[in-house]
Amino acid sequence: MNPTPDDRVVPERSLAEINADIRCLFARAEGRLSDAERIRHATLLGEWASAIRASVVPAA
């Protein structure tokens, strides 16, 4: 059964906020991430993917 709009998880932060954090992470690291920054990046990507899934409107 497809989830109804009420069943979908609402992300805590907007895609724009998550994208801004990802951009800042790379800007501070000058394109070379430390191990800790790689972990943070992976976390942000997971959050971004969840926000993308939540923003998809199912077809009628």
PDB file of N, CA and C in Angstrom:
ATOM      1  N   MET A   1       0.844  -1.173   0.000  1.00  0.00           N
ATOM      2  CA  MET A   1       0.000   0.000   0.000  1.00  0.00           C
ATOM      3  C   MET A   1       0.891   1.239   0.000  1.00  0.00           C
ATOM      4  N   ASN A   2       0.571   2.175  -0.845  1.00  0.00           N
ATOM      5  CA  ASN A   2       1.338   3.415  -0.917  1.00  0.00           C
ATOM      6  C   ASN A   2       1.019   4.295   0.281  1.00  0.00           C
ATOM      7  N   PRO A   3       2.029   4.981   0.791  1.00  0.00           N
ATOM      8  CA  PRO A   3       1.756   5.868   1.930  1.00  0.00           C
ATOM      9  C   PRO A   3       0.914   7.057   1.506  1.00  0.00           C
ATOM     10  N   THR A   4       0.032   7.450   2.382  1.00  0.00           N
ATOM     11  CA  THR A   4      -0.744   8.656   2.131  1.00  0.00           C
ATOM     12  C   THR A   4       0.091   9.844   2.576  1.00  0.00           C
ATOM     13  N   PRO A   5      -0.280  11.052   2.165  1.00  0.00           N
ATOM     14  CA  PRO A   5       0.499  12.224   2.593  1.00  0.00           C
ATOM     15  C   PRO A   5       0.670  12.293   4.111  1.00  0.00           C
ATOM     16  N   ASP A   6      -0.325  11.815   4.869  1.00  0.00           N
ATOM     17  CA  ASP A   6      -0.227  11.848   6.326  1.00  0.00           C
ATOM     18  C   ASP A   6       0.773  10.829   6.863  1.00  0.00           C
ATOM     19  N   ASP A   7       1.049   9.768   6.076  1.00  0.00           N
ATOM     20  CA  ASP A   7       1.970   8.713   6.505  1.00  0.00           C
ATOM     21  C   ASP A   7       3.430   9.049   6.231  1.00  0.00           C
ATOM     22  N   ARG A   8       3.678   9.985   5.339  1.00  0.00           N
ATOM     23  CA  ARG A   8       5.064  10.289   4.964  1.00  0.00           C
ATOM     24  C   ARG A   8       5.773  11.050   6.068  1.00  0.00           C
ATOM     25  N   VAL A   9       7.052  10.754   6.197  1.00  0.00           N
ATOM     26  CA  VAL A   9       7.871  11.434   7.197  1.00  0.00           C
ATOM     27  C   VAL A   9       8.193  12.835   6.701  1.00  0.00           C
ATOM     28  N   VAL A  10       7.979  13.810   7.545  1.00  0.00           N
ATOM     29  CA  VAL A  10       8.288  15.195   7.197  1.00  0.00           C
ATOM     30  C   VAL A  10       9.700  15.493   7.685  1.00  0.00           C
ATOM     31  N   PRO A  11      10.589  15.908   6.770  1.00  0.00           N
ATOM     32  CA  PRO A  11      11.963  16.192   7.197  1.00  0.00           C
ATOM     33  C   PRO A  11      12.003  17.385   8.152  1.00  0.00           C
ATOM     34  N   GLU A  12      12.984  17.349   9.044  1.00  0.00           N
ATOM     35  CA  GLU A  12      13.123  18.442  10.006  1.00  0.00           C
ATOM     36  C   GLU A  12      13.656  19.706   9.349  1.00  0.00           C
ATOM     37  N   ARG A  13      14.467  19.521   8.293  1.00  0.00           N
ATOM     38  CA  ARG A  13      15.089  20.673   7.621  1.00  0.00           C
ATOM     39  C   ARG A  13      14.773  20.626   6.135  1.00  0.00           C
ATOM     40  N   SER A  14      14.802  21.790   5.517  1.00  0.00           N
ATOM     41  CA  SER A  14      14.512  21.875   4.090  1.00  0.00           C
ATOM     42  C   SER A  14      15.704  21.392   3.274  1.00  0.00           C
ATOM     43  N   LEU A  15      15.440  21.058   2.028  1.00  0.00           N
ATOM     44  CA  LEU A  15      16.521  20.672   1.115  1.00  0.00           C
ATOM     45  C   LEU A  15      17.540  21.792   0.979  1.00  0.00           C
ATOM     46  N   ALA A  16      17.071  23.023   0.953  1.00  0.00           N
ATOM     47  CA  ALA A  16      17.985  24.167   0.822  1.00  0.00           C
ATOM     48  C   ALA A  16      18.944  24.243   2.009  1.00  0.00           C
ATOM     49  N   GLU A  17      18.441  23.996   3.204  1.00  0.00           N
ATOM     50  CA  GLU A  17      19.303  24.026   4.396  1.00  0.00           C
ATOM     51  C   GLU A  17      20.349  22.914   4.352  1.00  0.00           C
ATOM     52  N   ILE A  18      19.913  21.737   3.955  1.00  0.00           N
ATOM     53  CA  ILE A  18      20.836  20.600   3.877  1.00  0.00           C
ATOM     54  C   ILE A  18      21.889  20.860   2.804  1.00  0.00           C
ATOM     55  N   ASN A  19      21.463  21.337   1.640  1.00  0.00           N
ATOM     56  CA  ASN A  19      22.409  21.655   0.562  1.00  0.00           C
ATOM     57  C   ASN A  19      23.418  22.706   1.007  1.00  0.00           C
ATOM     58  N   ALA A  20      22.955  23.703   1.738  1.00  0.00           N
ATOM     59  CA  ALA A  20      23.862  24.747   2.227  1.00  0.00           C
ATOM     60  C   ALA A  20      24.914  24.153   3.153  1.00  0.00           C
ATOM     61  N   ASP A  21      24.506  23.226   4.014  1.00  0.00           N
ATOM     62  CA  ASP A  21      25.469  22.573   4.908  1.00  0.00           C
ATOM     63  C   ASP A  21      26.497  21.762   4.124  1.00  0.00           C
ATOM     64  N   ILE A  22      26.048  21.063   3.085  1.00  0.00           N
ATOM     65  CA  ILE A  22      26.967  20.276   2.255  1.00  0.00           C
ATOM     66  C   ILE A  22      27.958  21.200   1.553  1.00  0.00           C
ATOM     67  N   ARG A  23      27.466  22.295   1.003  1.00  0.00           N
ATOM     68  CA  ARG A  23      28.358  23.249   0.318  1.00  0.00           C
ATOM     69  C   ARG A  23      29.374  23.852   1.283  1.00  0.00           C
ATOM     70  N   CYS A  24      28.924  24.217   2.473  1.00  0.00           N
ATOM     71  CA  CYS A  24      29.834  24.789   3.478  1.00  0.00           C
ATOM     72  C   CYS A  24      30.889  23.780   3.899  1.00  0.00           C
ATOM     73  N   LEU A  25      30.494  22.541   4.036  1.00  0.00           N
ATOM     74  CA  LEU A  25      31.438  21.495   4.421  1.00  0.00           C
ATOM     75  C   LEU A  25      32.573  21.410   3.412  1.00  0.00           C
ATOM     76  N   PHE A  26      32.233  21.393   2.127  1.00  0.00           N
ATOM     77  CA  PHE A  26      33.263  21.304   1.094  1.00  0.00           C
ATOM     78  C   PHE A  26      34.060  22.595   0.968  1.00  0.00           C
ATOM     79  N   ALA A  27      33.426  23.730   1.181  1.00  0.00           N
ATOM     80  CA  ALA A  27      34.144  25.006   1.096  1.00  0.00           C
ATOM     81  C   ALA A  27      35.195  25.103   2.201  1.00  0.00           C
ATOM     82  N   ARG A  28      34.816  24.714   3.408  1.00  0.00           N
ATOM     83  CA  ARG A  28      35.766  24.743   4.532  1.00  0.00           C
ATOM     84  C   ARG A  28      36.904  23.756   4.317  1.00  0.00           C
ATOM     85  N   ALA A  29      36.589  22.604   3.740  1.00  0.00           N
ATOM     86  CA  ALA A  29      37.590  21.550   3.561  1.00  0.00           C
ATOM     87  C   ALA A  29      38.408  21.746   2.294  1.00  0.00           C
ATOM     88  N   GLU A  30      38.065  22.753   1.511  1.00  0.00           N
ATOM     89  CA  GLU A  30      38.730  23.019   0.235  1.00  0.00           C
ATOM     90  C   GLU A  30      38.757  21.767  -0.646  1.00  0.00           C
ATOM     91  N   GLY A  31      37.642  21.020  -0.610  1.00  0.00           N
ATOM     92  CA  GLY A  31      37.493  19.860  -1.478  1.00  0.00           C
ATOM     93  C   GLY A  31      38.118  18.574  -0.969  1.00  0.00           C
ATOM     94  N   ARG A  32      38.839  18.626   0.153  1.00  0.00           N
ATOM     95  CA  ARG A  32      39.481  17.423   0.708  1.00  0.00           C
ATOM     96  C   ARG A  32      38.928  17.180   2.107  1.00  0.00           C
ATOM     97  N   LEU A  33      38.105  16.159   2.231  1.00  0.00           N
ATOM     98  CA  LEU A  33      37.444  15.896   3.499  1.00  0.00           C
ATOM     99  C   LEU A  33      38.280  14.989   4.397  1.00  0.00           C
ATOM    100  N   SER A  34      38.306  15.329   5.679  1.00  0.00           N
ATOM    101  CA  SER A  34      38.930  14.458   6.679  1.00  0.00           C
ATOM    102  C   SER A  34      37.977  13.288   6.944  1.00  0.00           C
ATOM    103  N   ASP A  35      38.422  12.332   7.733  1.00  0.00           N
ATOM    104  CA  ASP A  35      37.552  11.202   8.069  1.00  0.00           C
ATOM    105  C   ASP A  35      36.281  11.673   8.771  1.00  0.00           C
ATOM    106  N   ALA A  36      36.417  12.596   9.702  1.00  0.00           N
ATOM    107  CA  ALA A  36      35.247  13.123  10.413  1.00  0.00           C
ATOM    108  C   ALA A  36      34.317  13.864   9.451  1.00  0.00           C
ATOM    109  N   GLU A  37      34.896  14.607   8.520  1.00  0.00           N
ATOM    110  CA  GLU A  37      34.085  15.340   7.542  1.00  0.00           C
ATOM    111  C   GLU A  37      33.400  14.381   6.574  1.00  0.00           C
ATOM    112  N   ARG A  38      34.041  13.272   6.252  1.00  0.00           N
ATOM    113  CA  ARG A  38      33.404  12.260   5.391  1.00  0.00           C
ATOM    114  C   ARG A  38      32.183  11.659   6.085  1.00  0.00           C
ATOM    115  N   ILE A  39      32.318  11.423   7.375  1.00  0.00           N
ATOM    116  CA  ILE A  39      31.186  10.896   8.141  1.00  0.00           C
ATOM    117  C   ILE A  39      30.054  11.918   8.161  1.00  0.00           C
ATOM    118  N   ARG A  40      30.386  13.179   8.385  1.00  0.00           N
ATOM    119  CA  ARG A  40      29.373  14.251   8.374  1.00  0.00           C
ATOM    120  C   ARG A  40      28.716  14.343   6.998  1.00  0.00           C
ATOM    121  N   HIS A  41      29.518  14.233   5.940  1.00  0.00           N
ATOM    122  CA  HIS A  41      28.993  14.289   4.578  1.00  0.00           C
ATOM    123  C   HIS A  41      28.020  13.137   4.336  1.00  0.00           C
ATOM    124  N   ALA A  42      28.382  11.935   4.766  1.00  0.00           N
ATOM    125  CA  ALA A  42      27.498  10.779   4.600  1.00  0.00           C
ATOM    126  C   ALA A  42      26.181  10.990   5.349  1.00  0.00           C
ATOM    127  N   THR A  43      26.259  11.561   6.535  1.00  0.00           N
ATOM    128  CA  THR A  43      25.057  11.854   7.313  1.00  0.00           C
ATOM    129  C   THR A  43      24.179  12.867   6.587  1.00  0.00           C
ATOM    130  N   LEU A  44      24.811  13.907   6.061  1.00  0.00           N
ATOM    131  CA  LEU A  44      24.064  14.929   5.317  1.00  0.00           C
ATOM    132  C   LEU A  44      23.429  14.343   4.062  1.00  0.00           C
ATOM    133  N   LEU A  45      24.139  13.452   3.370  1.00  0.00           N
ATOM    134  CA  LEU A  45      23.572  12.826   2.171  1.00  0.00           C
ATOM    135  C   LEU A  45      22.357  11.973   2.522  1.00  0.00           C
ATOM    136  N   GLY A  46      22.417  11.269   3.636  1.00  0.00           N
ATOM    137  CA  GLY A  46      21.264  10.491   4.080  1.00  0.00           C
ATOM    138  C   GLY A  46      20.081  11.380   4.408  1.00  0.00           C
ATOM    139  N   GLU A  47      20.357  12.486   5.069  1.00  0.00           N
ATOM    140  CA  GLU A  47      19.302  13.454   5.395  1.00  0.00           C
ATOM    141  C   GLU A  47      18.720  14.054   4.115  1.00  0.00           C
ATOM    142  N   TRP A  48      19.595  14.359   3.160  1.00  0.00           N
ATOM    143  CA  TRP A  48      19.162  14.921   1.875  1.00  0.00           C
ATOM    144  C   TRP A  48      18.270  13.926   1.139  1.00  0.00           C
ATOM    145  N   ALA A  49      18.689  12.645   1.105  1.00  0.00           N
ATOM    146  CA  ALA A  49      17.903  11.616   0.417  1.00  0.00           C
ATOM    147  C   ALA A  49      16.524  11.463   1.059  1.00  0.00           C
ATOM    148  N   SER A  50      16.463  11.501   2.369  1.00  0.00           N
ATOM    149  CA  SER A  50      15.174  11.412   3.064  1.00  0.00           C
ATOM    150  C   SER A  50      14.283  12.601   2.724  1.00  0.00           C
ATOM    151  N   ALA A  51      14.879  13.782   2.664  1.00  0.00           N
ATOM    152  CA  ALA A  51      14.111  14.983   2.327  1.00  0.00           C
ATOM    153  C   ALA A  51      13.607  14.918   0.889  1.00  0.00           C
ATOM    154  N   ILE A  52      14.431  14.378  -0.011  1.00  0.00           N
ATOM    155  CA  ILE A  52      13.999  14.214  -1.408  1.00  0.00           C
ATOM    156  C   ILE A  52      12.805  13.265  -1.473  1.00  0.00           C
ATOM    157  N   ARG A  53      12.909  12.118  -0.798  1.00  0.00           N
ATOM    158  CA  ARG A  53      11.806  11.145  -0.810  1.00  0.00           C
ATOM    159  C   ARG A  53      10.528  11.762  -0.251  1.00  0.00           C
ATOM    160  N   ALA A  54      10.654  12.550   0.793  1.00  0.00           N
ATOM    161  CA  ALA A  54       9.477  13.173   1.404  1.00  0.00           C
ATOM    162  C   ALA A  54       8.852  14.225   0.491  1.00  0.00           C
ATOM    163  N   SER A  55       9.660  14.801  -0.406  1.00  0.00           N
ATOM    164  CA  SER A  55       9.143  15.858  -1.279  1.00  0.00           C
ATOM    165  C   SER A  55       8.471  15.323  -2.539  1.00  0.00           C
ATOM    166  N   VAL A  56       8.624  14.029  -2.813  1.00  0.00           N
ATOM    167  CA  VAL A  56       8.046  13.437  -4.021  1.00  0.00           C
ATOM    168  C   VAL A  56       6.540  13.293  -3.838  1.00  0.00           C
ATOM    169  N   VAL A  57       5.805  13.788  -4.821  1.00  0.00           N
ATOM    170  CA  VAL A  57       4.351  13.680  -4.803  1.00  0.00           C
ATOM    171  C   VAL A  57       3.971  12.468  -5.646  1.00  0.00           C
ATOM    172  N   PRO A  58       3.274  11.496  -5.056  1.00  0.00           N
ATOM    173  CA  PRO A  58       2.903  10.301  -5.818  1.00  0.00           C
ATOM    174  C   PRO A  58       1.960  10.648  -6.971  1.00  0.00           C
ATOM    175  N   ALA A  59       2.115   9.910  -8.050  1.00  0.00           N
ATOM    176  CA  ALA A  59       1.242  10.112  -9.209  1.00  0.00           C
ATOM    177  C   ALA A  59      -0.170   9.650  -8.863  1.00  0.00           C
ATOM    178  N   ALA A  60      -1.120  10.270  -9.505  1.00  0.00           N
ATOM    179  CA  ALA A  60      -2.522   9.922  -9.254  1.00  0.00           C
ATOM    180  C   ALA A  60      -2.875   8.590  -9.851  1.00  0.00           C
TER     181      ALA A  60
END
